């Protein structure tokens, strides 16, 4: 928290201090994580990824850097790398945190693997994190949130229902709204 506050007010100076610290303590995973934090705040995603990879290599038994790498990959749109890294975090440190399981489940659902996502969440909830409220609520939400394929089917059924009731103008409004939602397949 202090690091983020310092970096926000004096970014270049704090990044230089972090890099100097990593130079003086090249074996310190924490120093490399600090470089990653300040690089990320300066929008230097490549340096942040490099520093996180170094931190992960220096302390492979710790998952913070690898988890941050997965989040960075997901943020950059590299879902395959993010998926691989989340799986690696879960495999290496299964009891570290429920969040890699949540994020991996989200990626699986977006890829159309609802069964795999549900199985992962069920395993995490029942076996590794039975008392985690965040995981339980997210599991509930993810399991009950329709995928794009489900939404498309529901919208079609709704449009047919409106047309059957003679409400063609309302059906046109629904079609128009569907088209305005980015990244969705055609409704027809």
C-alpha atoms as a PDB file:
ATOM      1  CA  UNK A   1       0.000   0.000   0.000  1.00  0.00           C
ATOM      2  CA  UNK A   2       2.815   2.391   0.888  1.00  0.00           C
ATOM      3  CA  UNK A   3       4.613   1.414  -2.322  1.00  0.00           C
ATOM      4  CA  UNK A   4       1.571   2.225  -4.436  1.00  0.00           C
ATOM      5  CA  UNK A   5       1.112   5.558  -2.693  1.00  0.00           C
ATOM      6  CA  UNK A   6       4.771   6.496  -3.139  1.00  0.00           C
ATOM      7  CA  UNK A   7       4.788   5.362  -6.752  1.00  0.00           C
ATOM      8  CA  UNK A   8       1.627   7.320  -7.512  1.00  0.00           C
ATOM      9  CA  UNK A   9       3.122  10.560  -6.257  1.00  0.00           C
ATOM     10  CA  UNK A  10       6.735  10.107  -7.358  1.00  0.00           C
ATOM     11  CA  UNK A  11       6.596   7.390  -9.990  1.00  0.00           C
ATOM     12  CA  UNK A  12       9.917   7.794 -11.743  1.00  0.00           C
ATOM     13  CA  UNK A  13      11.840   8.139  -8.500  1.00  0.00           C
ATOM     14  CA  UNK A  14      10.159   5.169  -6.858  1.00  0.00           C
ATOM     15  CA  UNK A  15      10.725   3.022  -9.957  1.00  0.00           C
ATOM     16  CA  UNK A  16      14.417   3.984  -9.972  1.00  0.00           C
ATOM     17  CA  UNK A  17      14.669   3.059  -6.277  1.00  0.00           C
ATOM     18  CA  UNK A  18      12.989  -0.285  -6.926  1.00  0.00           C
ATOM     19  CA  UNK A  19      15.339  -1.064  -9.830  1.00  0.00           C
ATOM     20  CA  UNK A  20      18.348  -0.092  -7.712  1.00  0.00           C
ATOM     21  CA  UNK A  21      17.112  -2.344  -4.913  1.00  0.00           C
ATOM     22  CA  UNK A  22      16.767  -5.263  -7.340  1.00  0.00           C
ATOM     23  CA  UNK A  23      20.295  -4.565  -8.596  1.00  0.00           C
ATOM     24  CA  UNK A  24      21.691  -4.560  -5.054  1.00  0.00           C
ATOM     25  CA  UNK A  25      19.638  -7.604  -3.999  1.00  0.00           C
ATOM     26  CA  UNK A  26      19.288  -9.692  -7.180  1.00  0.00           C
ATOM     27  CA  UNK A  27      18.331 -12.783  -5.139  1.00  0.00           C
ATOM     28  CA  UNK A  28      15.370 -11.002  -3.526  1.00  0.00           C
ATOM     29  CA  UNK A  29      12.006 -11.974  -4.977  1.00  0.00           C
ATOM     30  CA  UNK A  30      10.451  -9.083  -3.042  1.00  0.00           C
ATOM     31  CA  UNK A  31      12.768  -6.582  -4.737  1.00  0.00           C
ATOM     32  CA  UNK A  32      11.722  -7.873  -8.157  1.00  0.00           C
ATOM     33  CA  UNK A  33       8.065  -7.748  -7.160  1.00  0.00           C
ATOM     34  CA  UNK A  34       8.590  -4.105  -6.152  1.00  0.00           C
ATOM     35  CA  UNK A  35      10.086  -3.413  -9.608  1.00  0.00           C
ATOM     36  CA  UNK A  36       7.010  -5.078 -11.129  1.00  0.00           C
ATOM     37  CA  UNK A  37       4.639  -2.947  -9.067  1.00  0.00           C
ATOM     38  CA  UNK A  38       6.303   0.324  -9.975  1.00  0.00           C
ATOM     39  CA  UNK A  39       6.662  -0.700 -13.631  1.00  0.00           C
ATOM     40  CA  UNK A  40       2.977  -1.579 -13.780  1.00  0.00           C
ATOM     41  CA  UNK A  41       2.036   1.779 -12.279  1.00  0.00           C
ATOM     42  CA  UNK A  42       4.092   3.413 -15.030  1.00  0.00           C
ATOM     43  CA  UNK A  43       2.267   1.286 -17.632  1.00  0.00           C
ATOM     44  CA  UNK A  44       5.491  -0.573 -18.557  1.00  0.00           C
ATOM     45  CA  UNK A  45       3.818  -3.974 -18.820  1.00  0.00           C
ATOM     46  CA  UNK A  46       6.784  -5.727 -20.399  1.00  0.00           C
ATOM     47  CA  UNK A  47       9.116  -4.732 -17.567  1.00  0.00           C
ATOM     48  CA  UNK A  48       6.448  -5.659 -15.026  1.00  0.00           C
ATOM     49  CA  UNK A  49       6.106  -9.113 -16.606  1.00  0.00           C
ATOM     50  CA  UNK A  50       9.883  -9.561 -16.692  1.00  0.00           C
ATOM     51  CA  UNK A  51      10.262  -8.583 -13.037  1.00  0.00           C
ATOM     52  CA  UNK A  52       7.401 -10.893 -12.027  1.00  0.00           C
ATOM     53  CA  UNK A  53       9.011 -13.761 -13.939  1.00  0.00           C
ATOM     54  CA  UNK A  54      12.264 -13.107 -12.069  1.00  0.00           C
ATOM     55  CA  UNK A  55      10.468 -13.000  -8.720  1.00  0.00           C
ATOM     56  CA  UNK A  56       8.676 -16.232  -9.548  1.00  0.00           C
ATOM     57  CA  UNK A  57      11.922 -17.956 -10.544  1.00  0.00           C
ATOM     58  CA  UNK A  58      13.655 -16.798  -7.346  1.00  0.00           C
ATOM     59  CA  UNK A  59      10.877 -18.074  -5.062  1.00  0.00           C
ATOM     60  CA  UNK A  60       8.948 -20.805  -6.920  1.00  0.00           C
ATOM     61  CA  UNK A  61       7.334 -21.987  -3.686  1.00  0.00           C
ATOM     62  CA  UNK A  62       5.537 -18.641  -3.381  1.00  0.00           C
ATOM     63  CA  UNK A  63       2.594 -17.896  -5.634  1.00  0.00           C
ATOM     64  CA  UNK A  64       2.143 -14.135  -5.443  1.00  0.00           C
ATOM     65  CA  UNK A  65       4.363 -13.318  -8.436  1.00  0.00           C
ATOM     66  CA  UNK A  66       2.994 -16.160 -10.564  1.00  0.00           C
ATOM     67  CA  UNK A  67      -0.571 -15.105  -9.722  1.00  0.00           C
ATOM     68  CA  UNK A  68       0.261 -11.504 -10.663  1.00  0.00           C
ATOM     69  CA  UNK A  69       1.768 -12.791 -13.940  1.00  0.00           C
ATOM     70  CA  UNK A  70      -1.464 -14.656 -14.665  1.00  0.00           C
ATOM     71  CA  UNK A  71      -3.536 -11.551 -13.950  1.00  0.00           C
ATOM     72  CA  UNK A  72      -1.249  -9.460 -16.147  1.00  0.00           C
ATOM     73  CA  UNK A  73      -1.546 -11.993 -18.985  1.00  0.00           C
ATOM     74  CA  UNK A  74      -5.333 -11.994 -18.631  1.00  0.00           C
ATOM     75  CA  UNK A  75      -5.367  -8.203 -18.551  1.00  0.00           C
ATOM     76  CA  UNK A  76      -3.294  -8.132 -21.762  1.00  0.00           C
ATOM     77  CA  UNK A  77      -5.753 -10.536 -23.411  1.00  0.00           C
ATOM     78  CA  UNK A  78      -3.461 -13.597 -23.466  1.00  0.00           C
ATOM     79  CA  UNK A  79      -6.004 -16.028 -22.054  1.00  0.00           C
ATOM     80  CA  UNK A  80      -3.948 -19.137 -22.865  1.00  0.00           C
ATOM     81  CA  UNK A  81      -0.961 -17.878 -20.866  1.00  0.00           C
ATOM     82  CA  UNK A  82      -3.270 -16.772 -18.054  1.00  0.00           C
ATOM     83  CA  UNK A  83      -4.963 -20.175 -17.992  1.00  0.00           C
ATOM     84  CA  UNK A  84      -1.608 -21.976 -17.860  1.00  0.00           C
ATOM     85  CA  UNK A  85      -0.334 -19.730 -15.058  1.00  0.00           C
ATOM     86  CA  UNK A  86      -3.529 -20.069 -12.976  1.00  0.00           C
ATOM     87  CA  UNK A  87      -3.327 -23.842 -13.338  1.00  0.00           C
ATOM     88  CA  UNK A  88       0.327 -23.729 -12.289  1.00  0.00           C
ATOM     89  CA  UNK A  89      -0.486 -21.660  -9.181  1.00  0.00           C
ATOM     90  CA  UNK A  90      -3.228 -24.121  -8.211  1.00  0.00           C
ATOM     91  CA  UNK A  91      -0.931 -27.111  -8.823  1.00  0.00           C
ATOM     92  CA  UNK A  92       2.059 -25.686  -6.925  1.00  0.00           C
ATOM     93  CA  UNK A  93       0.217 -24.112  -4.003  1.00  0.00           C
ATOM     94  CA  UNK A  94      -3.322 -25.498  -3.903  1.00  0.00           C
ATOM     95  CA  UNK A  95      -4.151 -23.921  -0.527  1.00  0.00           C
ATOM     96  CA  UNK A  96      -2.628 -20.497  -1.227  1.00  0.00           C
ATOM     97  CA  UNK A  97      -5.793 -18.665  -2.270  1.00  0.00           C
ATOM     98  CA  UNK A  98      -9.177 -19.390  -3.852  1.00  0.00           C
ATOM     99  CA  UNK A  99      -8.754 -16.603  -6.399  1.00  0.00           C
ATOM    100  CA  UNK A 100      -6.730 -18.570  -8.981  1.00  0.00           C
ATOM    101  CA  UNK A 101      -9.558 -21.115  -9.033  1.00  0.00           C
ATOM    102  CA  UNK A 102     -12.147 -18.353  -9.460  1.00  0.00           C
ATOM    103  CA  UNK A 103     -10.250 -16.699 -12.281  1.00  0.00           C
ATOM    104  CA  UNK A 104      -9.526 -19.988 -14.012  1.00  0.00           C
ATOM    105  CA  UNK A 105     -13.219 -20.902 -13.762  1.00  0.00           C
ATOM    106  CA  UNK A 106     -14.128 -17.563 -15.348  1.00  0.00           C
ATOM    107  CA  UNK A 107     -11.724 -18.226 -18.227  1.00  0.00           C
ATOM    108  CA  UNK A 108     -13.120 -21.720 -18.710  1.00  0.00           C
ATOM    109  CA  UNK A 109     -16.693 -20.435 -18.807  1.00  0.00           C
ATOM    110  CA  UNK A 110     -15.766 -17.739 -21.334  1.00  0.00           C
ATOM    111  CA  UNK A 111     -14.176 -20.446 -23.480  1.00  0.00           C
ATOM    112  CA  UNK A 112     -17.402 -22.456 -23.332  1.00  0.00           C
ATOM    113  CA  UNK A 113     -16.219 -25.075 -20.823  1.00  0.00           C
ATOM    114  CA  UNK A 114     -19.001 -24.603 -18.267  1.00  0.00           C
ATOM    115  CA  UNK A 115     -18.660 -28.175 -16.999  1.00  0.00           C
ATOM    116  CA  UNK A 116     -14.932 -27.752 -16.328  1.00  0.00           C
ATOM    117  CA  UNK A 117     -15.531 -24.424 -14.615  1.00  0.00           C
ATOM    118  CA  UNK A 118     -18.276 -25.847 -12.422  1.00  0.00           C
ATOM    119  CA  UNK A 119     -16.162 -28.889 -11.497  1.00  0.00           C
ATOM    120  CA  UNK A 120     -13.205 -26.673 -10.562  1.00  0.00           C
ATOM    121  CA  UNK A 121     -15.370 -24.438  -8.378  1.00  0.00           C
ATOM    122  CA  UNK A 122     -17.040 -27.395  -6.723  1.00  0.00           C
ATOM    123  CA  UNK A 123     -13.665 -29.000  -5.963  1.00  0.00           C
ATOM    124  CA  UNK A 124     -12.235 -25.751  -4.608  1.00  0.00           C
ATOM    125  CA  UNK A 125     -15.305 -25.081  -2.471  1.00  0.00           C
ATOM    126  CA  UNK A 126     -15.665 -28.591  -1.097  1.00  0.00           C
ATOM    127  CA  UNK A 127     -12.026 -29.629  -0.735  1.00  0.00           C
ATOM    128  CA  UNK A 128      -9.676 -26.689  -0.374  1.00  0.00           C
ATOM    129  CA  UNK A 129     -11.707 -23.664   0.765  1.00  0.00           C
ATOM    130  CA  UNK A 130     -14.953 -24.820   2.382  1.00  0.00           C
ATOM    131  CA  UNK A 131     -15.300 -21.728   4.581  1.00  0.00           C
ATOM    132  CA  UNK A 132     -14.375 -19.021   2.068  1.00  0.00           C
ATOM    133  CA  UNK A 133     -17.349 -16.684   1.578  1.00  0.00           C
ATOM    134  CA  UNK A 134     -15.905 -15.079  -1.564  1.00  0.00           C
ATOM    135  CA  UNK A 135     -15.458 -18.439  -3.238  1.00  0.00           C
ATOM    136  CA  UNK A 136     -18.905 -19.628  -2.213  1.00  0.00           C
ATOM    137  CA  UNK A 137     -20.632 -16.487  -3.501  1.00  0.00           C
ATOM    138  CA  UNK A 138     -18.576 -16.388  -6.703  1.00  0.00           C
ATOM    139  CA  UNK A 139     -19.219 -20.079  -7.266  1.00  0.00           C
ATOM    140  CA  UNK A 140     -22.927 -19.483  -6.867  1.00  0.00           C
ATOM    141  CA  UNK A 141     -22.783 -16.530  -9.266  1.00  0.00           C
ATOM    142  CA  UNK A 142     -20.654 -18.280 -11.896  1.00  0.00           C
ATOM    143  CA  UNK A 143     -22.693 -21.457 -11.882  1.00  0.00           C
ATOM    144  CA  UNK A 144     -25.912 -19.510 -12.337  1.00  0.00           C
ATOM    145  CA  UNK A 145     -24.694 -16.895 -14.798  1.00  0.00           C
ATOM    146  CA  UNK A 146     -25.616 -17.875 -18.344  1.00  0.00           C
ATOM    147  CA  UNK A 147     -22.914 -18.068 -20.981  1.00  0.00           C
ATOM    148  CA  UNK A 148     -23.221 -16.126 -24.231  1.00  0.00           C
ATOM    149  CA  UNK A 149     -24.681 -19.232 -25.866  1.00  0.00           C
ATOM    150  CA  UNK A 150     -27.356 -19.428 -23.178  1.00  0.00           C
ATOM    151  CA  UNK A 151     -28.092 -15.714 -23.453  1.00  0.00           C
ATOM    152  CA  UNK A 152     -28.510 -16.022 -27.196  1.00  0.00           C
ATOM    153  CA  UNK A 153     -31.025 -18.866 -26.761  1.00  0.00           C
ATOM    154  CA  UNK A 154     -32.902 -16.915 -24.060  1.00  0.00           C
ATOM    155  CA  UNK A 155     -33.031 -13.760 -26.204  1.00  0.00           C
ATOM    156  CA  UNK A 156     -34.331 -15.753 -29.187  1.00  0.00           C
ATOM    157  CA  UNK A 157     -37.048 -17.349 -27.059  1.00  0.00           C
ATOM    158  CA  UNK A 158     -37.992 -13.924 -25.699  1.00  0.00           C
ATOM    159  CA  UNK A 159     -38.199 -12.448 -29.217  1.00  0.00           C
ATOM    160  CA  UNK A 160     -40.378 -15.380 -30.404  1.00  0.00           C
ATOM    161  CA  UNK A 161     -42.606 -14.919 -27.362  1.00  0.00           C
ATOM    162  CA  UNK A 162     -43.043 -11.212 -28.093  1.00  0.00           C
ATOM    163  CA  UNK A 163     -43.835 -11.919 -31.745  1.00  0.00           C
ATOM    164  CA  UNK A 164     -46.346 -14.630 -30.775  1.00  0.00           C
ATOM    165  CA  UNK A 165     -48.099 -12.043 -28.592  1.00  0.00           C
ATOM    166  CA  UNK A 166     -48.235  -9.635 -31.530  1.00  0.00           C
ATOM    167  CA  UNK A 167     -45.635  -7.301 -30.013  1.00  0.00           C
ATOM    168  CA  UNK A 168     -43.360  -7.017 -33.045  1.00  0.00           C
ATOM    169  CA  UNK A 169     -42.202  -3.514 -32.090  1.00  0.00           C
ATOM    170  CA  UNK A 170     -41.001  -4.792 -28.707  1.00  0.00           C
ATOM    171  CA  UNK A 171     -39.275  -7.704 -30.457  1.00  0.00           C
ATOM    172  CA  UNK A 172     -37.483  -5.210 -32.722  1.00  0.00           C
ATOM    173  CA  UNK A 173     -36.316  -3.245 -29.666  1.00  0.00           C
ATOM    174  CA  UNK A 174     -34.881  -6.439 -28.140  1.00  0.00           C
ATOM    175  CA  UNK A 175     -33.081  -7.270 -31.412  1.00  0.00           C
ATOM    176  CA  UNK A 176     -31.737  -3.716 -31.581  1.00  0.00           C
ATOM    177  CA  UNK A 177     -30.406  -3.901 -28.018  1.00  0.00           C
ATOM    178  CA  UNK A 178     -28.708  -7.240 -28.719  1.00  0.00           C
ATOM    179  CA  UNK A 179     -26.858  -5.762 -31.711  1.00  0.00           C
ATOM    180  CA  UNK A 180     -25.527  -2.907 -29.567  1.00  0.00           C
ATOM    181  CA  UNK A 181     -23.842  -5.250 -27.071  1.00  0.00           C
ATOM    182  CA  UNK A 182     -20.209  -5.606 -28.204  1.00  0.00           C
ATOM    183  CA  UNK A 183     -18.612  -8.975 -29.023  1.00  0.00           C
ATOM    184  CA  UNK A 184     -21.845 -10.972 -29.279  1.00  0.00           C
ATOM    185  CA  UNK A 185     -22.780 -13.261 -32.179  1.00  0.00           C
ATOM    186  CA  UNK A 186     -25.747 -12.371 -34.343  1.00  0.00           C
ATOM    187  CA  UNK A 187     -29.110 -13.141 -32.734  1.00  0.00           C
ATOM    188  CA  UNK A 188     -30.677 -14.676 -35.875  1.00  0.00           C
END
